Protein backbone atom coordinates (compact mmCIF):
# COMPACT_ATOMS: atom_id res chain seq x y z
CA MET A 1 -141.00 51.82 166.43
CA THR A 2 -140.87 48.10 166.99
CA PRO A 3 -138.52 46.79 169.60
CA PRO A 4 -135.71 44.46 168.36
CA ARG A 5 -136.35 40.72 168.38
CA PRO A 6 -134.37 38.69 170.92
CA ALA A 7 -131.59 36.53 169.40
CA ARG A 8 -132.64 33.03 168.61
CA VAL A 9 -130.96 30.12 170.45
CA GLN A 10 -129.33 27.75 167.92
CA PRO A 11 -130.78 24.25 168.18
CA ARG A 12 -128.49 21.56 169.30
CA ALA A 13 -128.05 18.19 167.75
CA GLU A 14 -130.61 15.64 168.97
CA ASP A 15 -128.14 13.90 171.27
CA ASP A 16 -126.38 17.06 172.37
CA HIS A 17 -128.27 18.32 175.49
CA GLN A 18 -127.49 19.49 178.95
CA ILE A 19 -130.41 17.90 180.77
CA HIS A 20 -129.61 15.23 183.31
CA CYS A 21 -132.45 13.08 184.74
CA ARG A 22 -131.71 12.31 188.47
CA LEU A 23 -134.02 9.29 188.46
CA ASP A 24 -131.42 6.83 189.58
CA GLU A 25 -130.49 9.09 192.58
CA LEU A 26 -134.18 9.67 193.56
CA LEU A 27 -134.85 5.88 193.46
CA VAL A 28 -131.88 5.12 195.71
CA ASP A 29 -132.95 7.84 198.17
CA ARG A 30 -136.43 6.34 198.30
CA GLU A 31 -135.22 2.75 198.30
CA MET A 32 -137.33 1.95 195.28
CA THR A 33 -136.50 -0.08 192.14
CA LEU A 34 -137.04 1.00 188.60
CA THR A 35 -139.41 -1.93 188.17
CA ALA A 36 -141.47 -0.86 191.13
CA LEU A 37 -141.69 2.70 189.71
CA ALA A 38 -142.62 1.35 186.31
CA GLU A 39 -145.52 -0.67 187.80
CA GLN A 40 -146.64 2.17 190.04
CA VAL A 41 -146.68 4.83 187.19
CA GLY A 42 -147.67 2.61 184.34
CA ILE A 43 -144.69 3.38 182.17
CA THR A 44 -142.57 0.66 180.51
CA LEU A 45 -139.32 -0.24 182.02
CA ALA A 46 -137.58 0.54 178.73
CA ASN A 47 -138.88 4.14 178.72
CA LEU A 48 -137.94 4.63 182.37
CA SER A 49 -134.48 3.19 181.58
CA ASN A 50 -134.04 5.73 178.72
CA LEU A 51 -134.85 8.52 181.17
CA LYS A 52 -132.50 7.08 183.81
CA THR A 53 -129.57 6.94 181.31
CA ASP A 54 -130.27 10.34 179.86
CA LYS A 55 -131.10 8.79 176.50
CA ALA A 56 -134.68 10.14 176.28
CA ARG A 57 -135.20 13.00 173.84
CA ALA A 58 -138.57 14.03 175.12
CA ILE A 59 -141.13 13.42 178.01
CA ARG A 60 -144.78 14.02 178.16
CA PHE A 61 -146.01 16.44 180.92
CA SER A 62 -148.40 13.58 182.00
CA THR A 63 -145.44 11.12 182.43
CA LEU A 64 -143.39 13.78 184.22
CA THR A 65 -146.37 14.41 186.49
CA ALA A 66 -146.83 10.76 187.24
CA ILE A 67 -143.21 10.19 188.03
CA CYS A 68 -143.00 13.20 190.29
CA GLU A 69 -146.20 12.05 192.13
CA ALA A 70 -144.82 8.52 192.63
CA LEU A 71 -141.45 9.80 193.88
CA ASP A 72 -143.00 12.76 195.87
CA CYS A 73 -140.72 15.25 194.20
CA GLU A 74 -140.69 18.35 192.07
CA VAL A 75 -139.72 18.50 188.39
CA GLY A 76 -136.55 20.37 189.35
CA ASP A 77 -135.64 17.45 191.66
CA LEU A 78 -135.86 15.08 188.79
CA LEU A 79 -134.49 17.10 185.94
CA VAL A 80 -131.43 19.39 186.17
CA ARG A 81 -129.39 21.34 183.65
CA LEU A 82 -125.72 20.51 183.58
CA PRO A 83 -123.19 23.32 183.17
């Protein structure tokens, strides 16, 4: 007998998410500007600004890796799920 399938999670609307990017807080802790991070990581200021203001809908793993390396942090330090 086949085990029952787990219930599917209903997708949310594109702008309805619970992920918060703590980029602003990490930059303050490291006394770094968004412009300096953009230059160091090679990401446009506009894309980093979208992350900082929680407007980004997706992020590449390579981008996430570069940001975490530049800020010397883990993914969980940068992205958190809000209640």
